[in-house]
Amino acid sequence: MMTKLNLILFFVLIVTALGVITSQHKARKLYIELQQQEDNAKQYEIEWGQLQLEQSTWAMHSRIERIAEKRLNMQVPDAKRIQVVAP
């Protein structure tokens, strides 16, 4: 009787130990994946900042004015020809 109980308890112990090992392994894998996703998020934030800087550079008034002068042959009118319209 005692031998059967010992065998049952031994198998329960083995199954429980394997369950703990499996859950620890899954937890480690998920933690590593979380760290990788956080690293990706940091990289995306850096890239977003660089893209915002690039966009502001492309939209600079002096750049647009220079392109308008060179490519479209546009010129700023004389001050005498400018009229300010009140809203």
N, C-alpha and C. Protein backbone atom coordinates (compact mmCIF):
# COMPACT_ATOMS: atom_id res chain seq x y z
N MET A 1 0.82 -1.19 0.00
CA MET A 1 0.00 0.00 0.00
C MET A 1 0.87 1.26 0.00
N MET A 2 1.88 1.25 0.87
CA MET A 2 2.75 2.41 0.98
C MET A 2 3.58 2.60 -0.28
N THR A 3 3.95 1.53 -0.93
CA THR A 3 4.74 1.60 -2.14
C THR A 3 3.94 2.23 -3.27
N LYS A 4 2.68 1.89 -3.38
CA LYS A 4 1.82 2.49 -4.41
C LYS A 4 1.66 3.98 -4.16
N LEU A 5 1.46 4.35 -2.91
CA LEU A 5 1.31 5.77 -2.57
C LEU A 5 2.60 6.53 -2.88
N ASN A 6 3.72 5.91 -2.56
CA ASN A 6 5.01 6.54 -2.85
C ASN A 6 5.21 6.71 -4.35
N LEU A 7 4.83 5.71 -5.14
CA LEU A 7 4.95 5.81 -6.59
C LEU A 7 4.03 6.91 -7.14
N ILE A 8 2.83 6.97 -6.65
CA ILE A 8 1.89 8.01 -7.10
C ILE A 8 2.44 9.39 -6.75
N LEU A 9 2.91 9.55 -5.54
CA LEU A 9 3.48 10.84 -5.12
C LEU A 9 4.73 11.18 -5.93
N PHE A 10 5.53 10.17 -6.24
CA PHE A 10 6.74 10.39 -7.05
C PHE A 10 6.36 10.89 -8.45
N PHE A 11 5.36 10.26 -9.06
CA PHE A 11 4.93 10.69 -10.40
C PHE A 11 4.29 12.08 -10.36
N VAL A 12 3.54 12.36 -9.30
CA VAL A 12 2.96 13.71 -9.15
C VAL A 12 4.09 14.73 -9.01
N LEU A 13 5.11 14.38 -8.26
CA LEU A 13 6.26 15.26 -8.08
C LEU A 13 6.97 15.51 -9.42
N ILE A 14 7.16 14.45 -10.20
CA ILE A 14 7.82 14.58 -11.50
C ILE A 14 6.99 15.47 -12.43
N VAL A 15 5.69 15.22 -12.50
CA VAL A 15 4.82 16.01 -13.37
C VAL A 15 4.82 17.48 -12.93
N THR A 16 4.76 17.71 -11.64
CA THR A 16 4.78 19.08 -11.12
C THR A 16 6.12 19.76 -11.45
N ALA A 17 7.21 19.05 -11.28
CA ALA A 17 8.53 19.60 -11.58
C ALA A 17 8.64 19.95 -13.06
N LEU A 18 8.14 19.06 -13.92
CA LEU A 18 8.16 19.35 -15.36
C LEU A 18 7.28 20.56 -15.69
N GLY A 19 6.16 20.69 -15.00
CA GLY A 19 5.30 21.86 -15.21
C GLY A 19 6.00 23.15 -14.81
N VAL A 20 6.71 23.12 -13.70
CA VAL A 20 7.45 24.31 -13.25
C VAL A 20 8.55 24.66 -14.25
N ILE A 21 9.26 23.63 -14.70
CA ILE A 21 10.34 23.87 -15.67
C ILE A 21 9.78 24.48 -16.96
N THR A 22 8.66 23.92 -17.43
CA THR A 22 8.05 24.43 -18.66
C THR A 22 7.57 25.86 -18.49
N SER A 23 6.94 26.15 -17.37
CA SER A 23 6.45 27.52 -17.17
C SER A 23 7.60 28.52 -17.03
N GLN A 24 8.68 28.11 -16.38
CA GLN A 24 9.84 28.99 -16.26
C GLN A 24 10.46 29.26 -17.63
N HIS A 25 10.54 28.23 -18.45
CA HIS A 25 11.09 28.39 -19.79
C HIS A 25 10.23 29.34 -20.62
N LYS A 26 8.91 29.18 -20.55
CA LYS A 26 8.01 30.08 -21.28
C LYS A 26 8.13 31.51 -20.77
N ALA A 27 8.25 31.66 -19.45
CA ALA A 27 8.38 32.99 -18.87
C ALA A 27 9.66 33.67 -19.35
N ARG A 28 10.75 32.92 -19.42
CA ARG A 28 12.02 33.48 -19.90
C ARG A 28 11.92 33.89 -21.37
N LYS A 29 11.29 33.02 -22.17
CA LYS A 29 11.13 33.35 -23.59
C LYS A 29 10.28 34.61 -23.77
N LEU A 30 9.22 34.72 -22.99
CA LEU A 30 8.36 35.91 -23.09
C LEU A 30 9.09 37.16 -22.62
N TYR A 31 9.93 37.03 -21.59
CA TYR A 31 10.69 38.18 -21.11
C TYR A 31 11.69 38.64 -22.16
N ILE A 32 12.35 37.69 -22.81
CA ILE A 32 13.29 38.04 -23.87
C ILE A 32 12.56 38.73 -25.01
N GLU A 33 11.39 38.22 -25.37
CA GLU A 33 10.60 38.85 -26.43
C GLU A 33 10.17 40.27 -26.02
N LEU A 34 9.80 40.44 -24.75
CA LEU A 34 9.43 41.77 -24.26
C LEU A 34 10.61 42.73 -24.38
N GLN A 35 11.80 42.28 -24.02
CA GLN A 35 12.99 43.13 -24.13
C GLN A 35 13.25 43.51 -25.58
N GLN A 36 13.07 42.56 -26.49
CA GLN A 36 13.28 42.85 -27.91
C GLN A 36 12.25 43.87 -28.41
N GLN A 37 11.02 43.73 -27.98
CA GLN A 37 9.98 44.68 -28.40
C GLN A 37 10.26 46.07 -27.84
N GLU A 38 10.76 46.14 -26.61
CA GLU A 38 11.11 47.44 -26.03
C GLU A 38 12.27 48.07 -26.80
N ASP A 39 13.24 47.26 -27.20
CA ASP A 39 14.35 47.77 -28.01
C ASP A 39 13.83 48.28 -29.36
N ASN A 40 12.90 47.54 -29.96
CA ASN A 40 12.30 47.98 -31.22
C ASN A 40 11.57 49.31 -31.03
N ALA A 41 10.84 49.44 -29.92
CA ALA A 41 10.11 50.68 -29.65
C ALA A 41 11.07 51.86 -29.53
N LYS A 42 12.21 51.64 -28.86
CA LYS A 42 13.21 52.71 -28.73
C LYS A 42 13.75 53.10 -30.10
N GLN A 43 14.03 52.10 -30.93
CA GLN A 43 14.53 52.38 -32.28
C GLN A 43 13.50 53.16 -33.10
N TYR A 44 12.22 52.77 -32.96
CA TYR A 44 11.18 53.49 -33.69
C TYR A 44 11.05 54.93 -33.20
N GLU A 45 11.24 55.16 -31.91
CA GLU A 45 11.19 56.53 -31.39
C GLU A 45 12.35 57.36 -31.96
N ILE A 46 13.52 56.76 -32.03
CA ILE A 46 14.67 57.46 -32.60
C ILE A 46 14.42 57.77 -34.07
N GLU A 47 13.91 56.79 -34.79
CA GLU A 47 13.63 56.99 -36.22
C GLU A 47 12.55 58.05 -36.42
N TRP A 48 11.54 58.06 -35.54
CA TRP A 48 10.48 59.06 -35.63
C TRP A 48 11.06 60.46 -35.44
N GLY A 49 11.94 60.61 -34.47
CA GLY A 49 12.57 61.91 -34.24
C GLY A 49 13.40 62.34 -35.44
N GLN A 50 14.11 61.40 -36.04
CA GLN A 50 14.91 61.73 -37.22
C GLN A 50 14.01 62.13 -38.39
N LEU A 51 12.89 61.44 -38.55
CA LEU A 51 11.96 61.79 -39.63
C LEU A 51 11.33 63.16 -39.42
N GLN A 52 11.02 63.48 -38.16
CA GLN A 52 10.47 64.81 -37.89
C GLN A 52 11.49 65.89 -38.20
N LEU A 53 12.74 65.65 -37.84
CA LEU A 53 13.81 66.60 -38.14
C LEU A 53 13.97 66.76 -39.64
N GLU A 54 13.94 65.64 -40.37
CA GLU A 54 14.06 65.69 -41.82
C GLU A 54 12.90 66.44 -42.45
N GLN A 55 11.70 66.21 -41.92
CA GLN A 55 10.53 66.91 -42.46
C GLN A 55 10.65 68.41 -42.23
N SER A 56 11.11 68.81 -41.06
CA SER A 56 11.25 70.24 -40.79
C SER A 56 12.31 70.86 -41.70
N THR A 57 13.35 70.07 -42.01
CA THR A 57 14.38 70.57 -42.92
C THR A 57 13.83 70.77 -44.32
N TRP A 58 13.04 69.79 -44.80
CA TRP A 58 12.47 69.88 -46.14
C TRP A 58 11.47 71.03 -46.24
N ALA A 59 10.83 71.39 -45.15
CA ALA A 59 9.79 72.41 -45.18
C ALA A 59 10.31 73.79 -44.77
N MET A 60 11.62 73.96 -44.64
CA MET A 60 12.16 75.27 -44.24
C MET A 60 11.82 76.32 -45.29
N HIS A 61 11.48 77.50 -44.81
CA HIS A 61 11.08 78.59 -45.69
C HIS A 61 12.18 78.93 -46.69
N SER A 62 13.43 78.98 -46.23
CA SER A 62 14.53 79.35 -47.12
C SER A 62 14.71 78.32 -48.23
N ARG A 63 14.52 77.06 -47.92
CA ARG A 63 14.65 76.01 -48.92
C ARG A 63 13.54 76.13 -49.97
N ILE A 64 12.34 76.34 -49.50
CA ILE A 64 11.21 76.47 -50.43
C ILE A 64 11.39 77.70 -51.31
N GLU A 65 11.85 78.78 -50.71
CA GLU A 65 12.08 80.00 -51.49
C GLU A 65 13.17 79.79 -52.54
N ARG A 66 14.24 79.10 -52.17
CA ARG A 66 15.33 78.83 -53.10
C ARG A 66 14.85 77.96 -54.28
N ILE A 67 14.05 76.94 -53.98
CA ILE A 67 13.52 76.08 -55.05
C ILE A 67 12.57 76.86 -55.94
N ALA A 68 11.75 77.71 -55.34
CA ALA A 68 10.82 78.51 -56.14
C ALA A 68 11.58 79.44 -57.08
N GLU A 69 12.69 80.00 -56.62
CA GLU A 69 13.48 80.89 -57.47
C GLU A 69 14.17 80.13 -58.60
N LYS A 70 14.77 78.97 -58.26
CA LYS A 70 15.57 78.25 -59.25
C LYS A 70 14.72 77.45 -60.23
N ARG A 71 13.80 76.66 -59.72
CA ARG A 71 13.05 75.76 -60.60
C ARG A 71 11.85 76.41 -61.25
N LEU A 72 11.20 77.31 -60.54
CA LEU A 72 9.97 77.91 -61.06
C LEU A 72 10.16 79.35 -61.53
N ASN A 73 11.39 79.83 -61.41
CA ASN A 73 11.71 81.22 -61.81
C ASN A 73 10.79 82.23 -61.14
N MET A 74 10.50 82.01 -59.89
CA MET A 74 9.66 82.94 -59.13
C MET A 74 10.55 83.93 -58.40
N GLN A 75 10.02 85.13 -58.16
CA GLN A 75 10.77 86.16 -57.45
C GLN A 75 9.86 86.82 -56.43
N VAL A 76 10.49 87.31 -55.37
CA VAL A 76 9.73 88.06 -54.37
C VAL A 76 9.43 89.43 -54.96
N PRO A 77 8.16 89.87 -54.93
CA PRO A 77 7.83 91.17 -55.50
C PRO A 77 8.41 92.32 -54.66
N ASP A 78 8.52 93.47 -55.28
CA ASP A 78 8.98 94.66 -54.56
C ASP A 78 7.98 95.00 -53.46
N ALA A 79 8.49 95.68 -52.43
CA ALA A 79 7.64 96.06 -51.32
C ALA A 79 6.50 96.96 -51.78
N LYS A 80 6.72 97.74 -52.83
CA LYS A 80 5.70 98.66 -53.33
C LYS A 80 4.52 97.89 -53.94
N ARG A 81 4.77 96.71 -54.44
CA ARG A 81 3.74 95.94 -55.12
C ARG A 81 2.98 95.00 -54.17
N ILE A 82 3.37 94.96 -52.92
CA ILE A 82 2.73 94.06 -51.95
C ILE A 82 1.59 94.81 -51.26
N GLN A 83 0.42 94.21 -51.23
CA GLN A 83 -0.73 94.78 -50.54
C GLN A 83 -1.14 93.85 -49.43
N VAL A 84 -1.34 94.39 -48.25
CA VAL A 84 -1.80 93.60 -47.12
C VAL A 84 -3.31 93.74 -47.04
N VAL A 85 -4.00 92.63 -47.04
CA VAL A 85 -5.46 92.64 -46.99
C VAL A 85 -5.88 92.32 -45.58
N ALA A 86 -6.70 93.16 -45.00
CA ALA A 86 -7.17 92.94 -43.64
C ALA A 86 -8.23 91.84 -43.61
N PRO A 87 -8.23 91.02 -42.61
CA PRO A 87 -9.20 89.93 -42.55
C PRO A 87 -10.62 90.44 -42.27
